Structures are given as structure tokens and as C-alpha cells.
Amino acid sequence: MIPTKPYAITFVCLGNICRSPLGEGIFKKLVKEAGREAEFHVESAGLGSWHVGEDPDSRSQIVARQHGVILDSTAQQFRARDLERFDLILALDEDIFDGLKRMAGNGPERGKIHLLRETDPQARGNFEVPDPYYGDLNDFESAYQMIERSCRGWLERLPKR
């Protein structure tokens, strides 16, 4: 039997310190609980470069820990070459989605780019995960809940490898 390459998935937000690290951490936890760790390579990134090398925002870490999620990544910037590296690129809001689509141009990678909340049963047409950066812990908890529901939906949507 030929081994199957893992799905390469990345979560992309603006600075890679609030929402996208939550997506990465939540998805890793869910695939571990489902016994599907070998099927996935999961990362996160930001369109902007100003937080590169930083740990996730302390409020993201607090909310994640409250849910048993570990955030162990450091911020990195999403680059055009990453379009080829990933099978699924999940944008946390419409502006990020548009920026990624512009980066992809008319190339085949456009089809890999989706809004994270496309699989959120509570989205009701609003596919944005609001940036909690200027908010408080309640805003981070709200973002966590949206991201977790969406990650569950993506995990269910992706066939086992």
C-alpha cells in the first residue's frame, strides 16, 4: 500500500497571534481526539509580518488553556509560495480571504482558499471570525467558539486518508 500524504492545512488571519493560532491549536486537538493525527499537517500564519516570531496573544492562550488546547506555534507570515504547500487554506475573515485570493491570482491554488466558517452551522451567512485583538476575554471566547465549531465541520468534511 502506498502511504498517503497528509492534508496540509493552514489557518490565516492578519497577524497570526489571535485567531489563526486558535484555529491551529483547536484543529490539532480535534484530529488527535479523532485518532487522525497522521492524516494532517497543520500550521497557521498571518498576512502581515509585524508579529513574526512572537508567541500567540496571552488572551488566546488563556482561552485555549481553559478548553484544554495548547498553542505552541510562533507567528509566521503567509507567503505566495505557501499557496502550493497547502491543500487547504482557511481564512478567518473576508479581508484575509480577499487578500489570499489576490495572492493566488487566477492560478489553480484559488480553489484551496476558503473561509473557515463555511462549515459553522451557526454562521447563518456571516463567515467572519471577528478579530478579538482590541477586545477582552469574552471576545476571545466568542472567537474560540466560532473557530471550534468550524474546525469540527472541516474535520467531518475531509475524508479519511
Protein backbone atom coordinates (compact mmCIF):
# COMPACT_ATOMS: atom_id res chain seq x y z
CA MET A 1 0.00 0.00 0.00
CA ILE A 2 1.34 3.43 -0.94
CA PRO A 3 1.35 5.82 2.03
CA THR A 4 -0.93 8.82 1.58
CA LYS A 5 0.44 12.30 2.01
CA PRO A 6 -1.15 14.14 4.96
CA TYR A 7 -3.52 17.02 4.32
CA ALA A 8 -1.54 20.24 4.70
CA ILE A 9 -3.83 22.82 6.28
CA THR A 10 -3.16 26.38 7.37
CA PHE A 11 -5.28 28.92 9.20
CA VAL A 12 -4.65 32.52 8.15
CA CYS A 13 -5.55 35.76 9.90
CA LEU A 14 -3.96 39.19 9.96
CA GLY A 15 -1.05 38.95 12.42
CA ASN A 16 -1.02 35.25 13.42
CA ILE A 17 -1.27 35.89 17.14
CA CYS A 18 -5.00 35.66 17.97
CA ARG A 19 -7.40 33.81 15.68
CA SER A 20 -5.21 31.65 13.45
CA PRO A 21 -3.18 30.13 16.31
CA LEU A 22 -6.51 29.21 17.91
CA GLY A 23 -7.53 27.52 14.67
CA GLU A 24 -4.26 25.61 14.51
CA GLY A 25 -4.42 24.51 18.15
CA ILE A 26 -8.10 23.57 18.09
CA PHE A 27 -7.76 21.58 14.87
CA LYS A 28 -4.71 19.71 16.20
CA LYS A 29 -6.64 18.80 19.35
CA LEU A 30 -9.65 17.60 17.35
CA VAL A 31 -7.60 15.42 15.00
CA LYS A 32 -5.79 13.93 17.98
CA GLU A 33 -9.09 13.13 19.70
CA ALA A 34 -10.34 11.56 16.46
CA GLY A 35 -7.18 9.43 16.13
CA ARG A 36 -6.40 11.11 12.80
CA GLU A 37 -3.14 12.89 13.65
CA ALA A 38 -1.17 11.11 10.92
CA GLU A 39 -3.59 12.44 8.29
CA PHE A 40 -2.81 16.13 8.88
CA HIS A 41 -0.03 18.68 8.86
CA VAL A 42 -1.44 21.84 10.48
CA GLU A 43 0.02 25.35 10.65
CA SER A 44 -1.13 28.94 10.93
CA ALA A 45 0.11 32.23 9.50
CA GLY A 46 -0.72 35.90 9.14
CA LEU A 47 -0.86 38.08 6.06
CA GLY A 48 1.10 40.77 7.91
CA SER A 49 4.68 40.48 9.09
CA TRP A 50 4.65 42.64 12.22
CA HIS A 51 4.29 39.76 14.72
CA VAL A 52 6.65 37.24 13.07
CA GLY A 53 8.45 35.20 15.73
CA GLU A 54 6.04 36.13 18.54
CA ASP A 55 4.04 33.74 20.68
CA PRO A 56 0.24 33.79 20.44
CA ASP A 57 -1.53 36.61 22.28
CA SER A 58 -1.77 35.86 26.01
CA ARG A 59 -5.57 36.10 25.86
CA SER A 60 -5.71 33.46 23.12
CA GLN A 61 -3.50 31.27 25.28
CA ILE A 62 -5.73 31.76 28.34
CA VAL A 63 -8.92 30.86 26.46
CA ALA A 64 -7.25 27.92 24.73
CA ARG A 65 -5.96 26.51 28.05
CA GLN A 66 -9.47 26.79 29.53
CA HIS A 67 -10.56 24.38 26.78
CA GLY A 68 -7.58 22.04 27.02
CA VAL A 69 -5.95 23.40 23.84
CA ILE A 70 -2.23 24.08 23.65
CA LEU A 71 -0.98 26.90 21.45
CA ASP A 72 2.66 26.10 20.68
CA SER A 73 3.28 27.94 17.43
CA THR A 74 5.09 31.19 16.76
CA ALA A 75 3.81 33.80 14.34
CA GLN A 76 4.84 33.49 10.72
CA GLN A 77 3.86 35.34 7.57
CA PHE A 78 1.93 33.66 4.79
CA ARG A 79 3.85 33.92 1.51
CA ALA A 80 2.84 33.30 -2.11
CA ARG A 81 4.95 30.11 -2.15
CA ASP A 82 2.71 28.75 0.63
CA LEU A 83 -0.17 28.55 -1.84
CA GLU A 84 1.45 25.46 -3.34
CA ARG A 85 2.46 23.94 0.01
CA PHE A 86 -1.04 23.65 1.45
CA ASP A 87 -4.05 21.61 0.37
CA LEU A 88 -6.49 23.77 2.34
CA ILE A 89 -6.06 27.43 3.26
CA LEU A 90 -8.63 28.70 5.75
CA ALA A 91 -9.13 32.46 6.04
CA LEU A 92 -10.55 33.83 9.28
CA ASP A 93 -12.37 36.77 7.68
CA GLU A 94 -13.41 38.24 4.33
CA ASP A 95 -10.45 40.67 4.10
CA ILE A 96 -7.98 37.84 4.61
CA PHE A 97 -9.90 35.70 2.13
CA ASP A 98 -9.74 38.50 -0.46
CA GLY A 99 -6.03 39.05 0.19
CA LEU A 100 -5.30 35.35 -0.29
CA LYS A 101 -7.36 35.26 -3.49
CA ARG A 102 -5.41 38.26 -4.84
CA MET A 103 -2.17 36.49 -3.97
CA ALA A 104 -3.32 33.38 -5.85
CA GLY A 105 -4.35 35.38 -8.92
CA ASN A 106 -6.03 33.15 -11.48
CA GLY A 107 -3.93 30.13 -10.53
CA PRO A 108 -5.26 26.72 -9.53
CA GLU A 109 -4.49 27.49 -5.86
CA ARG A 110 -7.59 29.72 -5.70
CA GLY A 111 -9.68 26.61 -5.14
CA LYS A 112 -7.76 25.77 -1.96
CA ILE A 113 -8.79 29.03 -0.25
CA HIS A 114 -11.93 29.00 1.89
CA LEU A 115 -13.46 30.95 4.73
CA LEU A 116 -13.10 28.97 7.94
CA ARG A 117 -16.73 29.49 8.98
CA GLU A 118 -18.12 27.89 5.80
CA THR A 119 -18.66 24.80 7.97
CA ASP A 120 -20.02 26.60 11.06
CA PRO A 121 -23.66 25.54 11.49
CA GLN A 122 -24.31 28.82 13.34
CA ALA A 123 -22.75 31.13 10.72
CA ARG A 124 -26.09 31.99 9.06
CA GLY A 125 -24.31 33.65 6.14
CA ASN A 126 -21.79 35.54 8.31
CA PHE A 127 -18.48 33.82 7.68
CA GLU A 128 -16.33 36.29 9.65
CA VAL A 129 -14.50 35.47 12.86
CA PRO A 130 -14.21 38.98 14.35
CA ASP A 131 -10.68 39.92 15.38
CA PRO A 132 -10.69 39.95 19.21
CA TYR A 133 -7.35 41.81 19.49
CA TYR A 134 -8.88 45.07 20.78
CA GLY A 135 -11.45 43.28 22.90
CA ASP A 136 -11.48 41.38 26.17
CA LEU A 137 -11.51 37.71 27.17
CA ASN A 138 -15.20 37.44 26.22
CA ASP A 139 -14.30 38.39 22.64
CA PHE A 140 -11.58 35.75 22.62
CA GLU A 141 -14.03 33.16 23.97
CA SER A 142 -16.54 34.08 21.28
CA ALA A 143 -13.84 33.69 18.61
CA TYR A 144 -12.85 30.35 20.15
CA GLN A 145 -16.42 29.03 19.92
CA MET A 146 -16.77 30.04 16.25
CA ILE A 147 -13.40 28.54 15.37
CA GLU A 148 -14.07 25.30 17.22
CA ARG A 149 -17.45 24.73 15.54
CA SER A 150 -15.86 25.44 12.17
CA CYS A 151 -12.90 23.14 12.79
CA ARG A 152 -15.28 20.32 13.70
CA GLY A 153 -17.10 20.93 10.43
CA TRP A 154 -13.91 20.82 8.37
CA LEU A 155 -12.74 17.66 10.09
CA GLU A 156 -16.07 15.98 9.26
CA ARG A 157 -15.89 17.24 5.66
CA LEU A 158 -12.40 15.92 4.94
CA PRO A 159 -12.42 12.22 4.04
CA LYS A 160 -10.18 9.88 5.98
CA ARG A 161 -6.85 9.13 4.37
